[in-house]
Amino acid sequence: MEKSVLVSFRSSSINWRFLRLVSLLILCGLFIGCATATKRYDKIPYCWTSDHRLYPEERILTLNLSLESTADGIIKWVNEKEGEIIENNNNCSTVAKLQPDSKKNFLAVQNIVKKEWNAYDENKYRKWEDGEWEKLQQLSKSQINFTNPQDQHGHCLKTKLGKREYTIEYLVQVGTVTTMQPTYIYTQTGPMFAGMIPVHSPQMETRKKTKLFFSQIDFFIFSDQGSTKIYAVGVPLEESSSVKVGYDATIGHSWWPIVTGEDEALRIKEAYTYLKNLEIQP
């Protein structure tokens, strides 16, 4: 009999140690899960433009047209797109020229921004590497050189087109819900019911927010080596906001799909196709 009692005691001791081990593993798993939860974005840089999407040589178009005819062509294209001209300067001297390492620098920028954009797409926070943000800005600005020679009299147009609405959904807490949950005490013989306790949980509701965005595209028309050239850059802007696109600006991550700079790049390509077709017309 003593032997059987001893066996029973050891069995209970083993079960108790096993339960404690399982509980410990569960708690460790919960703590590790919380510690390694994916960090999400709240704000992102509001700086992405057509320059981040178009190769440097794609931003400059050479035409066999006069400065005036080119400007008139852009105005006509904007009107057909139901846009508007918000600035028309026929005494603008801005000249844009590709730099020797423009393509190399653009590709280096792409190596950085594509990792960042993928993180925005997946909403998985990515920490900037040391010096990466500064490198991105320096390489972006070194692709095109802008000058304002005194003997140049070009044409500059600031346009506004491509208005579009974008709606996001988000959760807000509107109250608290209380439910009763059972609790247990773990003993050597197993879990024992200990009673009910109140558990408070946030009550959430889905809300919607809609904003109106548009593309601002600036066209710089100038003479260079006997030809008419045009440089264009486009930025996405919110209609009701005074915040301008820049490396020091931010915007909510939820608006990312509408502020990527891709819409602006496509519109510049479309404008250039329109001008090239205008060039070959009799």
Protein backbone atom coordinates (compact mmCIF):
# COMPACT_ATOMS: atom_id res chain seq x y z
CA MET A 1 0.00 0.00 0.00
CA GLU A 2 2.79 2.44 0.79
CA LYS A 3 4.19 1.93 -2.63
CA SER A 4 0.88 2.74 -4.34
CA VAL A 5 0.39 5.87 -2.19
CA LEU A 6 3.88 7.03 -3.11
CA VAL A 7 3.16 6.55 -6.79
CA SER A 8 -0.10 8.53 -6.49
CA PHE A 9 1.70 11.39 -4.71
CA ARG A 10 4.40 11.58 -7.38
CA SER A 11 1.76 11.57 -10.11
CA SER A 12 -0.05 14.53 -8.50
CA SER A 13 3.23 16.37 -8.05
CA ILE A 14 4.09 15.86 -11.71
CA ASN A 15 0.63 17.09 -12.82
CA TRP A 16 0.97 20.22 -10.70
CA ARG A 17 4.41 20.98 -12.11
CA PHE A 18 3.06 20.37 -15.61
CA LEU A 19 0.16 22.80 -15.07
CA ARG A 20 2.50 25.47 -13.75
CA LEU A 21 4.81 24.96 -16.74
CA VAL A 22 1.93 25.25 -19.22
CA SER A 23 0.67 28.41 -17.49
CA LEU A 24 4.15 29.90 -17.57
CA LEU A 25 4.54 29.12 -21.27
CA ILE A 26 1.17 30.71 -22.02
CA LEU A 27 2.10 33.86 -20.11
CA CYS A 28 5.49 34.04 -21.85
CA GLY A 29 3.77 33.65 -25.20
CA LEU A 30 1.40 36.50 -24.39
CA PHE A 31 4.23 38.77 -23.27
CA ILE A 32 6.37 37.94 -26.31
CA GLY A 33 3.38 38.45 -28.61
CA CYS A 34 2.76 41.89 -27.14
CA ALA A 35 6.44 42.80 -27.33
CA THR A 36 6.75 41.76 -30.96
CA ALA A 37 3.40 43.15 -32.19
CA THR A 38 3.79 44.93 -35.51
CA LYS A 39 4.13 48.67 -35.07
CA ARG A 40 1.77 50.66 -37.28
CA TYR A 41 2.02 54.09 -38.89
CA ASP A 42 0.21 57.15 -37.62
CA LYS A 43 1.89 59.87 -39.72
CA ILE A 44 4.08 59.54 -42.82
CA PRO A 45 6.20 62.08 -44.75
CA TYR A 46 4.08 64.23 -47.05
CA CYS A 47 6.78 64.74 -49.66
CA TRP A 48 6.22 62.28 -52.50
CA THR A 49 5.99 63.97 -55.90
CA SER A 50 6.31 63.15 -59.60
CA ASP A 51 10.08 63.60 -59.22
CA HIS A 52 10.15 60.42 -57.13
CA ARG A 53 8.30 58.51 -59.87
CA LEU A 54 9.77 59.80 -63.14
CA TYR A 55 13.31 59.32 -64.35
CA PRO A 56 15.10 62.69 -64.70
CA GLU A 57 15.06 62.48 -68.51
CA GLU A 58 11.30 61.83 -68.44
CA ARG A 59 10.71 65.16 -66.70
CA ILE A 60 12.19 67.27 -69.50
CA LEU A 61 10.63 67.37 -72.96
CA THR A 62 12.25 68.90 -76.06
CA LEU A 63 9.87 70.34 -78.65
CA ASN A 64 10.06 71.93 -82.06
CA LEU A 65 7.55 74.57 -81.01
CA SER A 66 7.80 78.17 -79.89
CA LEU A 67 7.56 79.05 -76.22
CA GLU A 68 4.17 80.66 -76.82
CA SER A 69 2.77 77.67 -78.74
CA THR A 70 3.95 75.31 -76.01
CA ALA A 71 2.32 77.41 -73.29
CA ASP A 72 -0.89 77.63 -75.32
CA GLY A 73 -0.84 73.85 -75.75
CA ILE A 74 -0.58 73.28 -72.00
CA ILE A 75 -3.41 75.72 -71.32
CA LYS A 76 -5.58 73.92 -73.87
CA TRP A 77 -4.75 70.52 -72.35
CA VAL A 78 -5.57 71.76 -68.83
CA ASN A 79 -8.90 73.16 -70.04
CA GLU A 80 -9.77 69.86 -71.70
CA LYS A 81 -9.06 68.15 -68.36
CA GLU A 82 -11.44 70.59 -66.64
CA GLY A 83 -8.57 72.04 -64.66
CA GLU A 84 -7.52 75.61 -64.12
CA ILE A 85 -4.50 77.85 -64.56
CA ILE A 86 -3.65 79.40 -61.21
CA GLU A 87 -0.53 81.24 -62.37
CA ASN A 88 0.57 82.31 -65.85
CA ASN A 89 3.95 84.04 -66.05
CA ASN A 90 5.29 84.85 -69.53
CA ASN A 91 8.41 86.50 -68.16
CA CYS A 92 9.86 83.55 -66.28
CA SER A 93 13.59 82.82 -66.56
CA THR A 94 13.78 79.39 -64.88
CA VAL A 95 15.98 76.92 -66.76
CA ALA A 96 16.22 73.24 -65.75
CA LYS A 97 19.14 71.04 -66.78
CA LEU A 98 19.97 67.41 -66.12
CA GLN A 99 23.03 66.81 -63.98
CA PRO A 100 25.72 64.28 -65.05
CA ASP A 101 24.83 61.74 -62.34
CA SER A 102 21.07 62.38 -62.42
CA LYS A 103 20.05 58.85 -63.41
CA LYS A 104 22.50 57.24 -60.96
CA ASN A 105 21.18 59.43 -58.15
CA PHE A 106 17.57 58.70 -59.10
CA LEU A 107 18.19 54.96 -58.92
CA ALA A 108 19.87 55.40 -55.53
CA VAL A 109 16.77 57.25 -54.35
CA GLN A 110 14.58 54.42 -55.61
CA ASN A 111 16.54 51.92 -53.52
CA ILE A 112 15.48 53.91 -50.47
CA VAL A 113 11.93 54.95 -51.27
CA LYS A 114 10.74 51.56 -52.52
CA LYS A 115 11.47 50.05 -49.11
CA GLU A 116 9.60 52.92 -47.51
CA TRP A 117 6.62 52.68 -49.87
CA ASN A 118 6.33 48.92 -49.31
CA ALA A 119 6.20 49.61 -45.58
CA TYR A 120 3.38 52.13 -46.14
CA ASP A 121 1.49 49.66 -48.35
CA GLU A 122 1.63 46.98 -45.65
CA ASN A 123 1.37 49.45 -42.74
CA LYS A 124 4.36 47.86 -41.05
CA TYR A 125 6.53 50.52 -39.48
CA ARG A 126 10.03 50.80 -40.87
CA LYS A 127 12.70 52.77 -39.01
CA TRP A 128 14.90 54.99 -41.16
CA GLU A 129 18.50 53.84 -41.23
CA ASP A 130 21.17 56.20 -39.95
CA GLY A 131 21.60 59.10 -42.41
CA GLU A 132 19.11 57.60 -44.88
CA TRP A 133 16.57 60.44 -44.71
CA GLU A 134 19.24 63.08 -45.33
CA LYS A 135 20.72 61.01 -48.16
CA LEU A 136 17.30 60.75 -49.81
CA GLN A 137 16.88 64.51 -49.82
CA GLN A 138 20.38 65.25 -51.09
CA LEU A 139 20.18 62.72 -53.92
CA SER A 140 16.72 63.95 -54.94
CA LYS A 141 17.80 67.58 -55.16
CA SER A 142 21.01 66.84 -57.08
CA GLN A 143 19.35 65.40 -60.20
CA ILE A 144 18.23 68.67 -61.80
CA ASN A 145 19.97 72.05 -61.69
CA PHE A 146 17.75 75.14 -61.78
CA THR A 147 19.11 78.52 -62.82
CA ASN A 148 17.58 81.90 -63.60
CA PRO A 149 19.79 83.54 -66.26
CA GLN A 150 19.13 87.23 -66.83
CA ASP A 151 19.02 86.87 -70.60
CA GLN A 152 16.30 84.19 -70.52
CA HIS A 153 12.64 85.00 -70.97
CA GLY A 154 10.64 81.81 -70.70
CA HIS A 155 7.14 80.90 -69.62
CA CYS A 156 5.94 79.33 -66.35
CA LEU A 157 2.51 77.87 -65.68
CA LYS A 158 1.08 76.65 -62.40
CA THR A 159 -1.93 74.41 -62.96
CA LYS A 160 -4.56 72.70 -60.85
CA LEU A 161 -6.38 69.63 -62.12
CA GLY A 162 -7.41 66.06 -61.41
CA LYS A 163 -9.71 66.73 -58.48
CA ARG A 164 -10.72 63.50 -56.74
CA GLU A 165 -12.40 62.50 -53.50
CA TYR A 166 -10.86 59.95 -51.17
CA THR A 167 -12.65 58.35 -48.21
CA ILE A 168 -11.11 56.51 -45.28
CA GLU A 169 -12.70 54.47 -42.51
CA TYR A 170 -11.45 54.58 -38.96
CA LEU A 171 -12.50 53.41 -35.49
CA VAL A 172 -13.41 55.68 -32.58
CA GLN A 173 -14.25 54.73 -29.00
CA VAL A 174 -17.80 55.75 -28.13
CA GLY A 175 -18.12 54.05 -24.76
CA THR A 176 -17.25 51.04 -22.65
CA VAL A 177 -18.85 47.59 -22.52
CA THR A 178 -18.70 45.56 -19.29
CA THR A 179 -18.94 41.79 -19.33
CA MET A 180 -18.54 39.20 -16.60
CA GLN A 181 -15.73 36.69 -17.02
CA PRO A 182 -15.09 33.53 -14.95
CA THR A 183 -11.83 33.22 -13.03
CA TYR A 184 -10.06 30.11 -11.79
CA ILE A 185 -7.51 29.16 -9.18
CA TYR A 186 -5.05 26.48 -10.19
CA THR A 187 -4.43 23.88 -7.49
CA GLN A 188 -2.56 20.62 -7.35
CA THR A 189 -5.73 18.83 -8.32
CA GLY A 190 -6.47 21.16 -11.23
CA PRO A 191 -8.29 24.47 -11.89
CA MET A 192 -11.01 25.48 -9.43
CA PHE A 193 -13.73 28.03 -10.20
CA ALA A 194 -13.16 31.22 -8.16
CA GLY A 195 -16.03 33.44 -9.28
CA MET A 196 -17.00 36.03 -11.86
CA ILE A 197 -15.23 39.38 -12.34
CA PRO A 198 -16.18 42.40 -14.46
CA VAL A 199 -14.09 43.04 -17.58
CA HIS A 200 -14.29 46.45 -19.25
CA SER A 201 -13.80 46.65 -23.03
CA PRO A 202 -13.90 49.71 -25.31
CA GLN A 203 -17.00 50.06 -27.47
CA MET A 204 -15.87 51.03 -30.98
CA GLU A 205 -17.71 52.45 -33.97
CA THR A 206 -16.59 52.87 -37.59
CA ARG A 207 -16.53 56.42 -38.91
CA LYS A 208 -15.81 57.79 -42.37
CA LYS A 209 -13.91 60.86 -43.48
CA THR A 210 -13.74 62.24 -47.02
CA LYS A 211 -11.26 64.76 -48.35
CA LEU A 212 -10.85 66.39 -51.74
CA PHE A 213 -7.42 66.23 -53.36
CA PHE A 214 -6.02 67.62 -56.60
CA SER A 215 -2.76 67.68 -58.55
CA GLN A 216 -0.75 70.87 -58.81
CA ILE A 217 1.56 70.63 -61.81
CA ASP A 218 4.12 73.35 -62.51
CA PHE A 219 5.44 73.69 -66.06
CA PHE A 220 8.68 75.58 -66.77
CA ILE A 221 9.09 76.41 -70.46
CA PHE A 222 12.45 77.75 -71.67
CA SER A 223 14.86 77.89 -74.63
CA ASP A 224 17.97 75.74 -74.62
CA GLN A 225 20.40 75.14 -77.51
CA GLY A 226 17.94 76.41 -80.09
CA SER A 227 15.03 74.25 -78.92
CA THR A 228 12.05 74.74 -76.66
CA LYS A 229 12.20 72.63 -73.54
CA ILE A 230 9.74 72.06 -70.76
CA TYR A 231 10.23 70.74 -67.25
CA ALA A 232 7.24 69.64 -65.16
CA VAL A 233 6.80 68.64 -61.53
CA GLY A 234 3.54 67.59 -59.90
CA VAL A 235 2.49 67.38 -56.25
CA PRO A 236 -0.69 66.04 -54.60
CA LEU A 237 -2.49 68.61 -52.44
CA GLU A 238 -5.55 68.57 -50.21
CA GLU A 239 -8.16 71.14 -51.25
CA SER A 240 -8.98 72.46 -47.77
CA SER A 241 -5.50 72.29 -46.23
CA SER A 242 -2.77 74.90 -46.21
CA VAL A 243 -0.10 72.21 -45.70
CA LYS A 244 2.22 72.00 -48.71
CA VAL A 245 4.21 69.00 -49.85
CA GLY A 246 7.75 69.08 -48.50
CA TYR A 247 10.34 67.05 -46.62
CA ASP A 248 9.27 68.70 -43.37
CA ALA A 249 5.54 67.98 -43.86
CA THR A 250 3.53 64.98 -42.66
CA ILE A 251 0.11 63.51 -43.34
CA GLY A 252 -1.96 60.70 -41.83
CA HIS A 253 -0.95 57.26 -43.08
CA SER A 254 -4.55 56.48 -44.08
CA TRP A 255 -4.25 59.00 -46.94
CA TRP A 256 -1.18 57.31 -48.40
CA PRO A 257 -2.88 55.82 -51.52
CA ILE A 258 -3.87 59.31 -52.73
CA VAL A 259 -0.55 61.13 -52.05
CA THR A 260 2.01 58.78 -53.63
CA GLY A 261 2.97 61.14 -56.48
CA GLU A 262 1.98 58.48 -59.01
CA ASP A 263 -1.13 60.33 -60.23
CA GLU A 264 0.97 63.42 -60.87
CA ALA A 265 3.59 61.46 -62.83
CA LEU A 266 0.88 59.95 -65.05
CA ARG A 267 -0.62 63.40 -65.74
CA ILE A 268 2.77 64.81 -66.75
CA LYS A 269 3.26 61.92 -69.17
CA GLU A 270 -0.19 62.58 -70.58
CA ALA A 271 0.54 66.30 -71.00
CA TYR A 272 3.81 65.52 -72.81
CA THR A 273 2.06 63.11 -75.16
CA TYR A 274 -0.48 65.82 -75.91
CA LEU A 275 2.29 68.33 -76.72
CA LYS A 276 4.16 65.87 -78.94
CA ASN A 277 0.97 65.24 -80.90
CA LEU A 278 0.50 69.00 -81.19
CA GLU A 279 4.03 69.30 -82.53
CA ILE A 280 3.40 66.98 -85.49
CA GLN A 281 0.11 68.54 -86.49
CA PRO A 282 0.24 70.43 -89.82
